[in-house]
N, C-alpha and C. Protein backbone atom coordinates (compact mmCIF):
# COMPACT_ATOMS: atom_id res chain seq x y z
N UNK A 1 -79.59 -0.84 40.28
CA UNK A 1 -77.79 0.42 40.67
C UNK A 1 -77.03 -0.14 41.37
N UNK A 2 -76.23 0.14 41.70
CA UNK A 2 -75.68 -0.07 43.05
C UNK A 2 -74.69 1.48 43.16
N UNK A 3 -74.83 2.42 44.68
CA UNK A 3 -74.39 3.26 44.73
C UNK A 3 -72.94 2.71 45.34
N UNK A 4 -72.30 3.80 44.56
CA UNK A 4 -70.75 2.72 44.94
C UNK A 4 -70.02 3.90 46.00
N UNK A 5 -70.47 4.17 46.77
CA UNK A 5 -69.25 4.79 48.13
C UNK A 5 -68.95 3.95 48.47
N UNK A 6 -67.41 4.68 48.41
CA UNK A 6 -66.45 3.53 49.40
C UNK A 6 -66.04 4.21 50.86
N UNK A 7 -66.21 3.54 51.43
CA UNK A 7 -65.90 3.51 52.95
C UNK A 7 -64.59 3.08 53.07
N UNK A 8 -64.45 4.62 53.79
CA UNK A 8 -62.60 4.44 54.90
C UNK A 8 -63.19 3.89 56.36
N UNK A 9 -63.49 4.24 56.70
CA UNK A 9 -64.18 3.64 57.94
C UNK A 9 -63.83 1.82 58.84
N UNK A 10 -62.98 2.37 59.35
CA UNK A 10 -61.66 1.14 59.92
C UNK A 10 -61.11 0.96 59.03
N UNK A 11 -60.57 1.51 57.37
CA UNK A 11 -59.71 1.05 56.71
C UNK A 11 -60.60 -0.33 55.90
N UNK A 12 -61.63 -0.40 55.87
CA UNK A 12 -62.57 -1.58 55.35
C UNK A 12 -62.54 -1.00 53.89
N UNK A 13 -63.27 -1.85 52.79
CA UNK A 13 -63.62 -0.87 52.16
C UNK A 13 -65.25 -1.39 51.52
N UNK A 14 -66.61 -0.91 52.08
CA UNK A 14 -67.21 -1.32 52.16
C UNK A 14 -68.09 -0.44 50.81
N UNK A 15 -68.84 -1.57 50.73
CA UNK A 15 -69.96 -0.57 49.08
C UNK A 15 -71.12 -0.78 49.53
N UNK A 16 -71.97 0.85 49.52
CA UNK A 16 -72.85 1.19 50.19
C UNK A 16 -74.12 0.45 49.06
N UNK A 17 -75.15 -0.07 49.36
CA UNK A 17 -76.36 -0.80 48.75
C UNK A 17 -77.37 -0.20 49.66
N UNK A 18 -78.37 0.15 48.52
CA UNK A 18 -79.74 0.11 49.84
C UNK A 18 -79.67 0.46 50.25
N UNK A 19 -78.99 1.08 51.00
CA UNK A 19 -79.68 2.47 52.39
C UNK A 19 -78.59 2.22 53.01
N UNK A 20 -77.38 1.23 52.49
CA UNK A 20 -76.63 1.01 54.09
C UNK A 20 -75.14 0.41 53.75
N UNK A 21 -74.39 0.00 54.20
CA UNK A 21 -73.40 -0.23 53.62
C UNK A 21 -72.85 -1.52 53.40
N UNK A 22 -72.46 -2.22 53.16
CA UNK A 22 -72.72 -3.95 52.88
C UNK A 22 -71.34 -4.82 53.69
N UNK A 23 -71.40 -5.11 54.50
CA UNK A 23 -70.04 -5.91 55.17
C UNK A 23 -68.77 -6.69 54.54
N UNK A 24 -68.02 -6.65 54.72
CA UNK A 24 -67.56 -7.77 53.82
C UNK A 24 -67.94 -9.26 53.94
N UNK A 25 -68.36 -9.68 54.81
CA UNK A 25 -69.53 -10.48 54.38
C UNK A 25 -70.58 -10.93 53.42
N UNK A 26 -72.29 -10.14 53.43
CA UNK A 26 -72.36 -9.59 52.72
C UNK A 26 -71.89 -9.62 51.51
N UNK A 27 -70.43 -9.26 51.07
CA UNK A 27 -69.81 -8.91 49.69
C UNK A 27 -69.38 -9.48 49.42
N UNK A 28 -69.01 -10.81 50.44
CA UNK A 28 -68.84 -12.34 49.51
C UNK A 28 -69.64 -12.62 49.22
N UNK A 29 -70.93 -12.99 49.38
CA UNK A 29 -72.19 -13.75 49.34
C UNK A 29 -73.10 -13.19 47.84
N UNK A 30 -72.15 -12.42 47.06
CA UNK A 30 -72.81 -11.74 46.05
C UNK A 30 -72.57 -13.06 44.85
N UNK A 31 -73.52 -12.73 43.48
CA UNK A 31 -72.88 -13.68 42.66
C UNK A 31 -71.73 -13.02 41.52
N UNK A 32 -71.29 -13.81 40.97
CA UNK A 32 -70.72 -13.88 39.62
C UNK A 32 -71.27 -12.05 39.34
N UNK A 33 -72.09 -12.47 38.55
CA UNK A 33 -72.73 -11.30 37.95
C UNK A 33 -73.12 -10.02 39.11
N UNK A 34 -73.07 -10.46 39.74
CA UNK A 34 -73.31 -8.46 40.91
C UNK A 34 -71.61 -8.30 41.36
N UNK A 35 -70.95 -9.01 41.23
CA UNK A 35 -70.03 -8.30 41.27
C UNK A 35 -69.26 -8.36 40.98
N UNK A 36 -69.73 -8.63 38.82
CA UNK A 36 -69.42 -7.93 37.19
C UNK A 36 -69.79 -6.10 37.33
N UNK A 37 -70.85 -6.76 37.54
CA UNK A 37 -71.39 -4.69 37.68
C UNK A 37 -71.36 -4.26 38.63
N UNK A 38 -70.51 -4.60 40.05
CA UNK A 38 -69.98 -3.44 40.45
C UNK A 38 -68.58 -3.08 40.49
N UNK A 39 -67.46 -4.01 40.06
CA UNK A 39 -66.99 -3.33 39.30
C UNK A 39 -66.59 -3.08 37.85
N UNK A 40 -68.15 -2.61 37.38
CA UNK A 40 -68.25 -2.28 36.38
C UNK A 40 -68.23 -0.53 36.38
N UNK A 41 -69.33 -1.04 37.72
CA UNK A 41 -69.59 1.14 38.04
C UNK A 41 -68.23 1.70 38.70
N UNK A 42 -67.71 0.91 39.44
CA UNK A 42 -66.18 1.79 39.71
C UNK A 42 -65.93 2.03 38.67
N UNK A 43 -65.43 0.88 37.74
CA UNK A 43 -64.69 1.48 36.38
C UNK A 43 -64.88 2.93 35.58
N UNK A 44 -66.23 3.17 36.12
CA UNK A 44 -67.04 4.07 35.80
C UNK A 44 -66.94 5.00 36.60
N UNK A 45 -66.82 5.23 37.69
CA UNK A 45 -66.70 6.27 38.60
C UNK A 45 -65.37 6.10 38.85
N UNK A 46 -64.13 5.85 38.52
CA UNK A 46 -62.78 5.93 38.31
C UNK A 46 -62.59 6.40 37.00
N UNK A 47 -62.62 6.23 35.67
CA UNK A 47 -63.06 6.91 34.76
C UNK A 47 -63.38 8.80 35.12
N UNK A 48 -64.24 8.21 35.75
CA UNK A 48 -64.87 10.11 35.36
C UNK A 48 -64.19 10.74 36.48
N UNK A 49 -63.42 10.21 38.12
CA UNK A 49 -62.72 11.12 38.53
C UNK A 49 -61.06 10.63 38.29
N UNK A 50 -61.10 10.30 36.88
CA UNK A 50 -59.58 10.66 36.23
C UNK A 50 -60.13 12.48 35.50
N UNK A 51 -60.77 12.13 34.43
CA UNK A 51 -61.50 13.33 33.70
C UNK A 51 -61.25 13.94 34.44
N UNK A 52 -62.19 14.04 35.86
CA UNK A 52 -62.60 16.05 36.47
C UNK A 52 -61.11 16.03 37.23
N UNK A 53 -59.95 14.79 37.39
CA UNK A 53 -58.56 15.49 37.70
C UNK A 53 -57.60 15.79 36.32
N UNK A 54 -58.12 15.25 35.70
CA UNK A 54 -57.48 16.38 34.71
C UNK A 54 -57.82 17.66 33.92
N UNK A 55 -58.89 17.43 34.57
CA UNK A 55 -59.87 19.23 33.87
C UNK A 55 -59.14 20.03 35.52
N UNK A 56 -59.04 19.50 35.99
CA UNK A 56 -58.58 20.57 37.23
C UNK A 56 -56.87 20.66 37.68
N UNK A 57 -56.56 19.92 36.97
CA UNK A 57 -55.06 20.10 36.06
C UNK A 57 -54.28 20.95 35.39
N UNK A 58 -55.51 21.39 33.97
CA UNK A 58 -55.26 22.13 33.12
C UNK A 58 -55.99 23.71 33.74
N UNK A 59 -57.12 23.34 34.68
CA UNK A 59 -56.94 24.86 34.97
C UNK A 59 -56.45 25.04 36.05
N UNK A 60 -55.77 23.88 36.91
CA UNK A 60 -54.26 24.73 38.03
C UNK A 60 -53.54 25.41 37.09
N UNK A 61 -52.97 24.51 36.17
CA UNK A 61 -51.83 24.63 34.63
C UNK A 61 -51.98 25.97 33.98
N UNK A 62 -53.33 27.04 34.10
CA UNK A 62 -53.92 27.67 33.81
C UNK A 62 -53.31 28.97 34.35
N UNK A 63 -54.01 28.39 35.59
CA UNK A 63 -53.98 29.39 36.72
C UNK A 63 -52.93 29.87 37.66
N UNK A 64 -52.10 29.27 37.03
CA UNK A 64 -50.56 29.13 37.49
C UNK A 64 -49.56 29.72 36.19
N UNK A 65 -50.18 30.15 35.31
CA UNK A 65 -49.62 30.08 34.32
C UNK A 65 -49.77 32.22 34.12
N UNK A 66 -51.44 32.10 34.52
CA UNK A 66 -51.41 33.87 34.77
C UNK A 66 -51.50 33.99 36.02
N UNK A 67 -50.84 33.03 36.53
CA UNK A 67 -49.81 34.04 37.85
C UNK A 67 -48.59 34.66 37.35
N UNK A 68 -48.22 33.67 37.30
CA UNK A 68 -46.56 33.95 36.19
C UNK A 68 -46.45 35.21 35.65
N UNK A 69 -47.45 34.70 34.53
CA UNK A 69 -46.92 36.15 33.73
C UNK A 69 -47.97 37.31 33.96
N UNK A 70 -48.68 37.49 35.21
CA UNK A 70 -49.46 38.76 36.53
C UNK A 70 -47.81 39.29 36.99
N UNK A 71 -47.10 38.22 37.46
CA UNK A 71 -46.04 38.79 38.30
C UNK A 71 -45.12 39.32 37.53
N UNK A 72 -45.05 38.48 36.27
CA UNK A 72 -43.38 39.07 35.34
C UNK A 72 -43.90 40.47 35.00
N UNK A 73 -45.92 40.97 35.21
CA UNK A 73 -45.72 42.06 34.26
C UNK A 73 -45.96 43.04 35.27
N UNK A 74 -46.03 43.08 36.83
CA UNK A 74 -45.57 43.54 37.29
C UNK A 74 -44.12 44.41 37.78
N UNK A 75 -43.31 42.68 37.61
CA UNK A 75 -41.84 43.31 38.21
C UNK A 75 -41.35 44.37 36.59
N UNK A 76 -41.89 43.96 35.44
CA UNK A 76 -41.96 45.12 34.60
C UNK A 76 -42.17 46.22 34.59
N UNK A 77 -43.29 46.51 34.93
CA UNK A 77 -44.17 47.56 35.61
C UNK A 77 -43.44 48.34 36.87
N UNK A 78 -43.01 47.79 37.45
CA UNK A 78 -42.01 48.10 38.53
C UNK A 78 -40.37 48.98 38.23
N UNK A 79 -39.91 47.90 36.94
CA UNK A 79 -39.06 48.14 36.72
C UNK A 79 -38.51 49.87 36.46
N UNK A 80 -40.04 49.56 35.48
CA UNK A 80 -39.88 51.18 33.90
C UNK A 80 -39.92 52.41 35.62
N UNK A 81 -41.50 52.01 35.96
CA UNK A 81 -41.48 53.01 37.00
C UNK A 81 -40.13 53.52 37.97
N UNK A 82 -39.02 52.31 38.28
CA UNK A 82 -38.54 52.72 39.35
C UNK A 82 -37.15 53.45 37.68
N UNK A 83 -37.09 53.30 37.02
CA UNK A 83 -36.24 53.87 35.14
C UNK A 83 -37.19 55.07 35.60
N UNK A 84 -38.34 55.48 35.10
CA UNK A 84 -38.78 56.90 35.51
C UNK A 84 -38.48 57.49 36.55
N UNK A 85 -37.86 57.41 37.48
CA UNK A 85 -38.35 57.87 38.73
C UNK A 85 -37.01 58.39 38.91
N UNK A 86 -36.00 57.41 38.79
CA UNK A 86 -34.58 57.38 38.35
C UNK A 86 -34.03 59.13 37.24
N UNK A 87 -34.72 59.29 36.72
CA UNK A 87 -34.63 60.27 35.02
C UNK A 87 -35.39 61.49 35.80
N UNK A 88 -36.27 61.26 36.47
CA UNK A 88 -36.77 62.69 36.46
C UNK A 88 -35.86 63.43 37.94
N UNK A 89 -35.48 62.44 39.08
CA UNK A 89 -34.31 62.97 39.83
C UNK A 89 -33.14 63.12 39.65
N UNK A 90 -33.02 62.60 38.40
CA UNK A 90 -31.57 63.14 37.79
C UNK A 90 -31.68 64.55 36.57
N UNK A 91 -32.69 65.21 36.35
CA UNK A 91 -33.34 66.22 35.68
C UNK A 91 -32.82 66.75 36.44
N UNK A 92 -33.84 66.63 37.62
CA UNK A 92 -33.41 67.57 38.98
C UNK A 92 -32.22 67.94 39.75
């Protein structure tokens, strides 16, 4: 099985295999089946990252919604408080 950590070292996309990064030369020596296997695992990793990204977006949207609702509620409470203070000063 391939450990497909892609390195950004020197802007080269190296693939990690058996404790070391493969150079481009080593990658070119792979046969068709090995390359297809790499593509398969890269595709799986990409799908997992897409799913994680969707979950994080949903979580962010929920948090933003909660923050907006909290801010609106706080603003409404401030308005009621100011109105109440205004009535008390008018009574005095």
